[in-house]
Amino acid sequence: MSVLTIRDVPEDQIRVLKTRAAQAGKSLQTYMHELIAAETAKPTMKEMAARLEREATAKYTTDDVLAAIDEGRLGG
């Protein structure tokens, strides 16, 4: 795992983060890990647009669609 250092963070922002971490019953490190994980799990608008473009140009058959519906019904 890598180490991340962020310099020049204003004290008031650090205070807010420490307070939020404490209110969540977490260390600042754990709280920041979770913030970073949540942020990186969301696609950017550019990533989403690229995905939509790929999907819009994909060729799906009726059988593909029906199989996907069946998978969803079966939890699959």
PDB file of N, CA and C in Angstrom:
ATOM      1  N   MET A   1       0.848  -1.177   0.000  1.00  0.00           N
ATOM      2  CA  MET A   1       0.000   0.000   0.000  1.00  0.00           C
ATOM      3  C   MET A   1       0.892   1.239   0.000  1.00  0.00           C
ATOM      4  N   SER A   2       0.453   2.257  -0.667  1.00  0.00           N
ATOM      5  CA  SER A   2       1.213   3.499  -0.772  1.00  0.00           C
ATOM      6  C   SER A   2       0.903   4.451   0.376  1.00  0.00           C
ATOM      7  N   VAL A   3       1.787   5.409   0.544  1.00  0.00           N
ATOM      8  CA  VAL A   3       1.601   6.465   1.539  1.00  0.00           C
ATOM      9  C   VAL A   3       1.224   7.735   0.797  1.00  0.00           C
ATOM     10  N   LEU A   4       0.248   8.464   1.327  1.00  0.00           N
ATOM     11  CA  LEU A   4      -0.204   9.706   0.716  1.00  0.00           C
ATOM     12  C   LEU A   4       0.016  10.832   1.721  1.00  0.00           C
ATOM     13  N   THR A   5       0.712  11.867   1.302  1.00  0.00           N
ATOM     14  CA  THR A   5       0.931  13.032   2.150  1.00  0.00           C
ATOM     15  C   THR A   5       0.289  14.228   1.475  1.00  0.00           C
ATOM     16  N   ILE A   6      -0.495  14.955   2.232  1.00  0.00           N
ATOM     17  CA  ILE A   6      -1.130  16.159   1.690  1.00  0.00           C
ATOM     18  C   ILE A   6      -0.620  17.339   2.498  1.00  0.00           C
ATOM     19  N   ARG A   7       0.002  18.276   1.844  1.00  0.00           N
ATOM     20  CA  ARG A   7       0.582  19.432   2.513  1.00  0.00           C
ATOM     21  C   ARG A   7      -0.354  20.638   2.418  1.00  0.00           C
ATOM     22  N   ASP A   8      -0.137  21.563   3.313  1.00  0.00           N
ATOM     23  CA  ASP A   8      -0.813  22.867   3.286  1.00  0.00           C
ATOM     24  C   ASP A   8      -2.334  22.776   3.396  1.00  0.00           C
ATOM     25  N   VAL A   9      -2.818  21.847   4.216  1.00  0.00           N
ATOM     26  CA  VAL A   9      -4.254  21.769   4.475  1.00  0.00           C
ATOM     27  C   VAL A   9      -4.561  22.758   5.592  1.00  0.00           C
ATOM     28  N   PRO A  10      -5.485  23.671   5.377  1.00  0.00           N
ATOM     29  CA  PRO A  10      -5.802  24.668   6.409  1.00  0.00           C
ATOM     30  C   PRO A  10      -6.262  24.002   7.715  1.00  0.00           C
ATOM     31  N   GLU A  11      -5.862  24.598   8.831  1.00  0.00           N
ATOM     32  CA  GLU A  11      -6.184  24.046  10.151  1.00  0.00           C
ATOM     33  C   GLU A  11      -7.678  23.890  10.377  1.00  0.00           C
ATOM     34  N   ASP A  12      -8.484  24.825   9.878  1.00  0.00           N
ATOM     35  CA  ASP A  12      -9.926  24.706  10.086  1.00  0.00           C
ATOM     36  C   ASP A  12     -10.494  23.479   9.377  1.00  0.00           C
ATOM     37  N   GLN A  13      -9.934  23.146   8.222  1.00  0.00           N
ATOM     38  CA  GLN A  13     -10.388  21.951   7.508  1.00  0.00           C
ATOM     39  C   GLN A  13      -9.964  20.676   8.241  1.00  0.00           C
ATOM     40  N   ILE A  14      -8.761  20.674   8.772  1.00  0.00           N
ATOM     41  CA  ILE A  14      -8.281  19.535   9.561  1.00  0.00           C
ATOM     42  C   ILE A  14      -9.180  19.343  10.780  1.00  0.00           C
ATOM     43  N   ARG A  15      -9.531  20.443  11.430  1.00  0.00           N
ATOM     44  CA  ARG A  15     -10.392  20.392  12.608  1.00  0.00           C
ATOM     45  C   ARG A  15     -11.753  19.764  12.261  1.00  0.00           C
ATOM     46  N   VAL A  16     -12.314  20.184  11.143  1.00  0.00           N
ATOM     47  CA  VAL A  16     -13.604  19.638  10.704  1.00  0.00           C
ATOM     48  C   VAL A  16     -13.485  18.138  10.456  1.00  0.00           C
ATOM     49  N   LEU A  17     -12.440  17.726   9.758  1.00  0.00           N
ATOM     50  CA  LEU A  17     -12.252  16.303   9.470  1.00  0.00           C
ATOM     51  C   LEU A  17     -12.066  15.486  10.742  1.00  0.00           C
ATOM     52  N   LYS A  18     -11.277  16.005  11.680  1.00  0.00           N
ATOM     53  CA  LYS A  18     -11.067  15.305  12.947  1.00  0.00           C
ATOM     54  C   LYS A  18     -12.367  15.193  13.727  1.00  0.00           C
ATOM     55  N   THR A  19     -13.164  16.248  13.709  1.00  0.00           N
ATOM     56  CA  THR A  19     -14.453  16.223  14.408  1.00  0.00           C
ATOM     57  C   THR A  19     -15.385  15.201  13.782  1.00  0.00           C
ATOM     58  N   ARG A  20     -15.462  15.197  12.467  1.00  0.00           N
ATOM     59  CA  ARG A  20     -16.333  14.242  11.778  1.00  0.00           C
ATOM     60  C   ARG A  20     -15.887  12.800  12.023  1.00  0.00           C
ATOM     61  N   ALA A  21     -14.579  12.592  12.008  1.00  0.00           N
ATOM     62  CA  ALA A  21     -14.052  11.249  12.289  1.00  0.00           C
ATOM     63  C   ALA A  21     -14.436  10.818  13.698  1.00  0.00           C
ATOM     64  N   ALA A  22     -14.250  11.713  14.664  1.00  0.00           N
ATOM     65  CA  ALA A  22     -14.580  11.392  16.051  1.00  0.00           C
ATOM     66  C   ALA A  22     -16.078  11.115  16.203  1.00  0.00           C
ATOM     67  N   GLN A  23     -16.904  11.904  15.552  1.00  0.00           N
ATOM     68  CA  GLN A  23     -18.352  11.697  15.623  1.00  0.00           C
ATOM     69  C   GLN A  23     -18.753  10.359  15.023  1.00  0.00           C
ATOM     70  N   ALA A  24     -17.986   9.896  14.049  1.00  0.00           N
ATOM     71  CA  ALA A  24     -18.252   8.597  13.419  1.00  0.00           C
ATOM     72  C   ALA A  24     -17.600   7.456  14.200  1.00  0.00           C
ATOM     73  N   GLY A  25     -16.869   7.810  15.281  1.00  0.00           N
ATOM     74  CA  GLY A  25     -16.197   6.795  16.086  1.00  0.00           C
ATOM     75  C   GLY A  25     -15.010   6.174  15.386  1.00  0.00           C
ATOM     76  N   LYS A  26     -14.351   6.966  14.548  1.00  0.00           N
ATOM     77  CA  LYS A  26     -13.231   6.466  13.745  1.00  0.00           C
ATOM     78  C   LYS A  26     -12.005   7.347  13.940  1.00  0.00           C
ATOM     79  N   SER A  27     -10.860   6.775  13.643  1.00  0.00           N
ATOM     80  CA  SER A  27      -9.642   7.584  13.616  1.00  0.00           C
ATOM     81  C   SER A  27      -9.672   8.446  12.357  1.00  0.00           C
ATOM     82  N   LEU A  28      -8.871   9.496  12.361  1.00  0.00           N
ATOM     83  CA  LEU A  28      -8.801  10.344  11.172  1.00  0.00           C
ATOM     84  C   LEU A  28      -8.306   9.531   9.979  1.00  0.00           C
ATOM     85  N   GLN A  29      -7.353   8.645  10.204  1.00  0.00           N
ATOM     86  CA  GLN A  29      -6.820   7.825   9.119  1.00  0.00           C
ATOM     87  C   GLN A  29      -7.919   6.933   8.518  1.00  0.00           C
ATOM     88  N   THR A  30      -8.674   6.263   9.362  1.00  0.00           N
ATOM     89  CA  THR A  30      -9.757   5.406   8.874  1.00  0.00           C
ATOM     90  C   THR A  30     -10.807   6.223   8.146  1.00  0.00           C
ATOM     91  N   TYR A  31     -11.157   7.370   8.712  1.00  0.00           N
ATOM     92  CA  TYR A  31     -12.147   8.249   8.095  1.00  0.00           C
ATOM     93  C   TYR A  31     -11.685   8.686   6.705  1.00  0.00           C
ATOM     94  N   MET A  32     -10.423   9.078   6.583  1.00  0.00           N
ATOM     95  CA  MET A  32      -9.892   9.512   5.290  1.00  0.00           C
ATOM     96  C   MET A  32      -9.819   8.355   4.296  1.00  0.00           C
ATOM     97  N   HIS A  33      -9.457   7.160   4.777  1.00  0.00           N
ATOM     98  CA  HIS A  33      -9.464   5.977   3.906  1.00  0.00           C
ATOM     99  C   HIS A  33     -10.852   5.788   3.302  1.00  0.00           C
ATOM    100  N   GLU A  34     -11.870   5.900   4.142  1.00  0.00           N
ATOM    101  CA  GLU A  34     -13.235   5.703   3.667  1.00  0.00           C
ATOM    102  C   GLU A  34     -13.678   6.801   2.692  1.00  0.00           C
ATOM    103  N   LEU A  35     -13.273   8.035   2.956  1.00  0.00           N
ATOM    104  CA  LEU A  35     -13.588   9.124   2.025  1.00  0.00           C
ATOM    105  C   LEU A  35     -12.946   8.879   0.657  1.00  0.00           C
ATOM    106  N   ILE A  36     -11.696   8.473   0.676  1.00  0.00           N
ATOM    107  CA  ILE A  36     -10.987   8.213  -0.585  1.00  0.00           C
ATOM    108  C   ILE A  36     -11.623   7.031  -1.312  1.00  0.00           C
ATOM    109  N   ALA A  37     -11.962   5.969  -0.574  1.00  0.00           N
ATOM    110  CA  ALA A  37     -12.592   4.797  -1.195  1.00  0.00           C
ATOM    111  C   ALA A  37     -13.929   5.170  -1.821  1.00  0.00           C
ATOM    112  N   ALA A  38     -14.722   5.965  -1.119  1.00  0.00           N
ATOM    113  CA  ALA A  38     -16.027   6.379  -1.650  1.00  0.00           C
ATOM    114  C   ALA A  38     -15.862   7.231  -2.899  1.00  0.00           C
ATOM    115  N   GLU A  39     -14.910   8.135  -2.883  1.00  0.00           N
ATOM    116  CA  GLU A  39     -14.692   9.022  -4.033  1.00  0.00           C
ATOM    117  C   GLU A  39     -14.205   8.249  -5.250  1.00  0.00           C
ATOM    118  N   THR A  40     -13.308   7.306  -5.046  1.00  0.00           N
ATOM    119  CA  THR A  40     -12.758   6.570  -6.191  1.00  0.00           C
ATOM    120  C   THR A  40     -13.719   5.508  -6.711  1.00  0.00           C
ATOM    121  N   ALA A  41     -14.740   5.169  -5.930  1.00  0.00           N
ATOM    122  CA  ALA A  41     -15.729   4.194  -6.388  1.00  0.00           C
ATOM    123  C   ALA A  41     -16.724   4.812  -7.363  1.00  0.00           C
ATOM    124  N   LYS A  42     -16.862   6.138  -7.320  1.00  0.00           N
ATOM    125  CA  LYS A  42     -17.806   6.824  -8.207  1.00  0.00           C
ATOM    126  C   LYS A  42     -17.116   7.155  -9.531  1.00  0.00           C
ATOM    127  N   PRO A  43     -17.759   6.831 -10.652  1.00  0.00           N
ATOM    128  CA  PRO A  43     -17.149   7.222 -11.930  1.00  0.00           C
ATOM    129  C   PRO A  43     -17.274   8.734 -12.144  1.00  0.00           C
ATOM    130  N   THR A  44     -16.299   9.302 -12.822  1.00  0.00           N
ATOM    131  CA  THR A  44     -16.378  10.712 -13.193  1.00  0.00           C
ATOM    132  C   THR A  44     -17.376  10.853 -14.333  1.00  0.00           C
ATOM    133  N   MET A  45     -17.762  12.078 -14.626  1.00  0.00           N
ATOM    134  CA  MET A  45     -18.671  12.306 -15.749  1.00  0.00           C
ATOM    135  C   MET A  45     -18.033  11.819 -17.050  1.00  0.00           C
ATOM    136  N   LYS A  46     -16.738  12.050 -17.204  1.00  0.00           N
ATOM    137  CA  LYS A  46     -16.037  11.615 -18.417  1.00  0.00           C
ATOM    138  C   LYS A  46     -16.043  10.092 -18.524  1.00  0.00           C
ATOM    139  N   GLU A  47     -15.782   9.402 -17.395  1.00  0.00           N
ATOM    140  CA  GLU A  47     -15.803   7.939 -17.398  1.00  0.00           C
ATOM    141  C   GLU A  47     -17.211   7.417 -17.711  1.00  0.00           C
ATOM    142  N   MET A  48     -18.220   8.049 -17.124  1.00  0.00           N
ATOM    143  CA  MET A  48     -19.597   7.630 -17.356  1.00  0.00           C
ATOM    144  C   MET A  48     -19.994   7.866 -18.818  1.00  0.00           C
ATOM    145  N   ALA A  49     -19.591   8.987 -19.369  1.00  0.00           N
ATOM    146  CA  ALA A  49     -19.908   9.280 -20.772  1.00  0.00           C
ATOM    147  C   ALA A  49     -19.257   8.248 -21.690  1.00  0.00           C
ATOM    148  N   ALA A  50     -18.022   7.877 -21.395  1.00  0.00           N
ATOM    149  CA  ALA A  50     -17.333   6.874 -22.208  1.00  0.00           C
ATOM    150  C   ALA A  50     -18.044   5.526 -22.108  1.00  0.00           C
ATOM    151  N   ARG A  51     -18.468   5.176 -20.909  1.00  0.00           N
ATOM    152  CA  ARG A  51     -19.191   3.913 -20.720  1.00  0.00           C
ATOM    153  C   ARG A  51     -20.513   3.926 -21.484  1.00  0.00           C
ATOM    154  N   LEU A  52     -21.248   5.029 -21.388  1.00  0.00           N
ATOM    155  CA  LEU A  52     -22.518   5.133 -22.101  1.00  0.00           C
ATOM    156  C   LEU A  52     -22.316   5.069 -23.610  1.00  0.00           C
ATOM    157  N   GLU A  53     -21.240   5.690 -24.075  1.00  0.00           N
ATOM    158  CA  GLU A  53     -20.933   5.643 -25.506  1.00  0.00           C
ATOM    159  C   GLU A  53     -20.648   4.208 -25.950  1.00  0.00           C
ATOM    160  N   ARG A  54     -19.859   3.485 -25.158  1.00  0.00           N
ATOM    161  CA  ARG A  54     -19.561   2.082 -25.492  1.00  0.00           C
ATOM    162  C   ARG A  54     -20.848   1.263 -25.519  1.00  0.00           C
ATOM    163  N   GLU A  55     -21.686   1.463 -24.505  1.00  0.00           N
ATOM    164  CA  GLU A  55     -22.915   0.684 -24.426  1.00  0.00           C
ATOM    165  C   GLU A  55     -23.896   1.065 -25.537  1.00  0.00           C
ATOM    166  N   ALA A  56     -23.915   2.327 -25.924  1.00  0.00           N
ATOM    167  CA  ALA A  56     -24.830   2.778 -26.971  1.00  0.00           C
ATOM    168  C   ALA A  56     -24.457   2.191 -28.324  1.00  0.00           C
ATOM    169  N   THR A  57     -23.188   1.917 -28.519  1.00  0.00           N
ATOM    170  CA  THR A  57     -22.745   1.378 -29.807  1.00  0.00           C
ATOM    171  C   THR A  57     -22.636  -0.142 -29.794  1.00  0.00           C
ATOM    172  N   ALA A  58     -22.892  -0.768 -28.635  1.00  0.00           N
ATOM    173  CA  ALA A  58     -22.825  -2.225 -28.549  1.00  0.00           C
ATOM    174  C   ALA A  58     -24.033  -2.833 -29.265  1.00  0.00           C
ATOM    175  N   LYS A  59     -23.842  -3.988 -29.794  1.00  0.00           N
ATOM    176  CA  LYS A  59     -24.914  -4.692 -30.504  1.00  0.00           C
ATOM    177  C   LYS A  59     -25.451  -5.792 -29.592  1.00  0.00           C
ATOM    178  N   TYR A  60     -26.666  -5.600 -29.097  1.00  0.00           N
ATOM    179  CA  TYR A  60     -27.313  -6.595 -28.252  1.00  0.00           C
ATOM    180  C   TYR A  60     -28.467  -7.218 -29.014  1.00  0.00           C
ATOM    181  N   THR A  61     -28.619  -8.505 -28.840  1.00  0.00           N
ATOM    182  CA  THR A  61     -29.746  -9.205 -29.456  1.00  0.00           C
ATOM    183  C   THR A  61     -30.893  -9.264 -28.445  1.00  0.00           C
ATOM    184  N   THR A  62     -32.045  -9.620 -28.926  1.00  0.00           N
ATOM    185  CA  THR A  62     -33.200  -9.802 -28.047  1.00  0.00           C
ATOM    186  C   THR A  62     -32.886 -10.881 -27.013  1.00  0.00           C
ATOM    187  N   ASP A  63     -32.198 -11.930 -27.430  1.00  0.00           N
ATOM    188  CA  ASP A  63     -31.828 -12.998 -26.496  1.00  0.00           C
ATOM    189  C   ASP A  63     -30.900 -12.477 -25.391  1.00  0.00           C
ATOM    190  N   ASP A  64     -29.974 -11.564 -25.740  1.00  0.00           N
ATOM    191  CA  ASP A  64     -29.091 -10.966 -24.727  1.00  0.00           C
ATOM    192  C   ASP A  64     -29.906 -10.214 -23.678  1.00  0.00           C
ATOM    193  N   VAL A  65     -30.872  -9.446 -24.136  1.00  0.00           N
ATOM    194  CA  VAL A  65     -31.698  -8.648 -23.232  1.00  0.00           C
ATOM    195  C   VAL A  65     -32.537  -9.556 -22.340  1.00  0.00           C
ATOM    196  N   LEU A  66     -33.173 -10.564 -22.932  1.00  0.00           N
ATOM    197  CA  LEU A  66     -33.996 -11.482 -22.152  1.00  0.00           C
ATOM    198  C   LEU A  66     -33.160 -12.256 -21.129  1.00  0.00           C
ATOM    199  N   ALA A  67     -31.957 -12.640 -21.509  1.00  0.00           N
ATOM    200  CA  ALA A  67     -31.064 -13.350 -20.561  1.00  0.00           C
ATOM    201  C   ALA A  67     -30.685 -12.430 -19.405  1.00  0.00           C
ATOM    202  N   ALA A  68     -30.413 -11.159 -19.682  1.00  0.00           N
ATOM    203  CA  ALA A  68     -30.074 -10.208 -18.619  1.00  0.00           C
ATOM    204  C   ALA A  68     -31.252 -10.003 -17.687  1.00  0.00           C
ATOM    205  N   ILE A  69     -32.460  -9.942 -18.237  1.00  0.00           N
ATOM    206  CA  ILE A  69     -33.663  -9.806 -17.401  1.00  0.00           C
ATOM    207  C   ILE A  69     -33.820 -11.034 -16.513  1.00  0.00           C
ATOM    208  N   ASP A  70     -33.637 -12.209 -17.082  1.00  0.00           N
ATOM    209  CA  ASP A  70     -33.755 -13.440 -16.307  1.00  0.00           C
ATOM    210  C   ASP A  70     -32.711 -13.499 -15.196  1.00  0.00           C
ATOM    211  N   GLU A  71     -31.488 -13.081 -15.479  1.00  0.00           N
ATOM    212  CA  GLU A  71     -30.434 -13.051 -14.454  1.00  0.00           C
ATOM    213  C   GLU A  71     -30.833 -12.144 -13.305  1.00  0.00           C
ATOM    214  N   GLY A  72     -31.412 -11.011 -13.636  1.00  0.00           N
ATOM    215  CA  GLY A  72     -31.844 -10.079 -12.610  1.00  0.00           C
ATOM    216  C   GLY A  72     -32.953 -10.659 -11.742  1.00  0.00           C
ATOM    217  N   ARG A  73     -33.836 -11.391 -12.348  1.00  0.00           N
ATOM    218  CA  ARG A  73     -34.947 -12.015 -11.603  1.00  0.00           C
ATOM    219  C   ARG A  73     -34.448 -13.133 -10.709  1.00  0.00           C
ATOM    220  N   LEU A  74     -33.415 -13.820 -11.165  1.00  0.00           N
ATOM    221  CA  LEU A  74     -32.899 -14.961 -10.416  1.00  0.00           C
ATOM    222  C   LEU A  74     -31.809 -14.545  -9.438  1.00  0.00           C
ATOM    223  N   GLY A  75     -31.462 -13.260  -9.422  1.00  0.00           N
ATOM    224  CA  GLY A  75     -30.409 -12.787  -8.515  1.00  0.00           C
ATOM    225  C   GLY A  75     -29.028 -13.166  -8.981  1.00  0.00           C
ATOM    226  N   GLY A  76     -28.893 -13.323 -10.260  1.00  0.00           N
ATOM    227  CA  GLY A  76     -27.763 -13.845 -10.760  1.00  0.00           C
ATOM    228  C   GLY A  76     -26.571 -13.507 -11.324  1.00  0.00           C
TER     229      GLY A  76
END
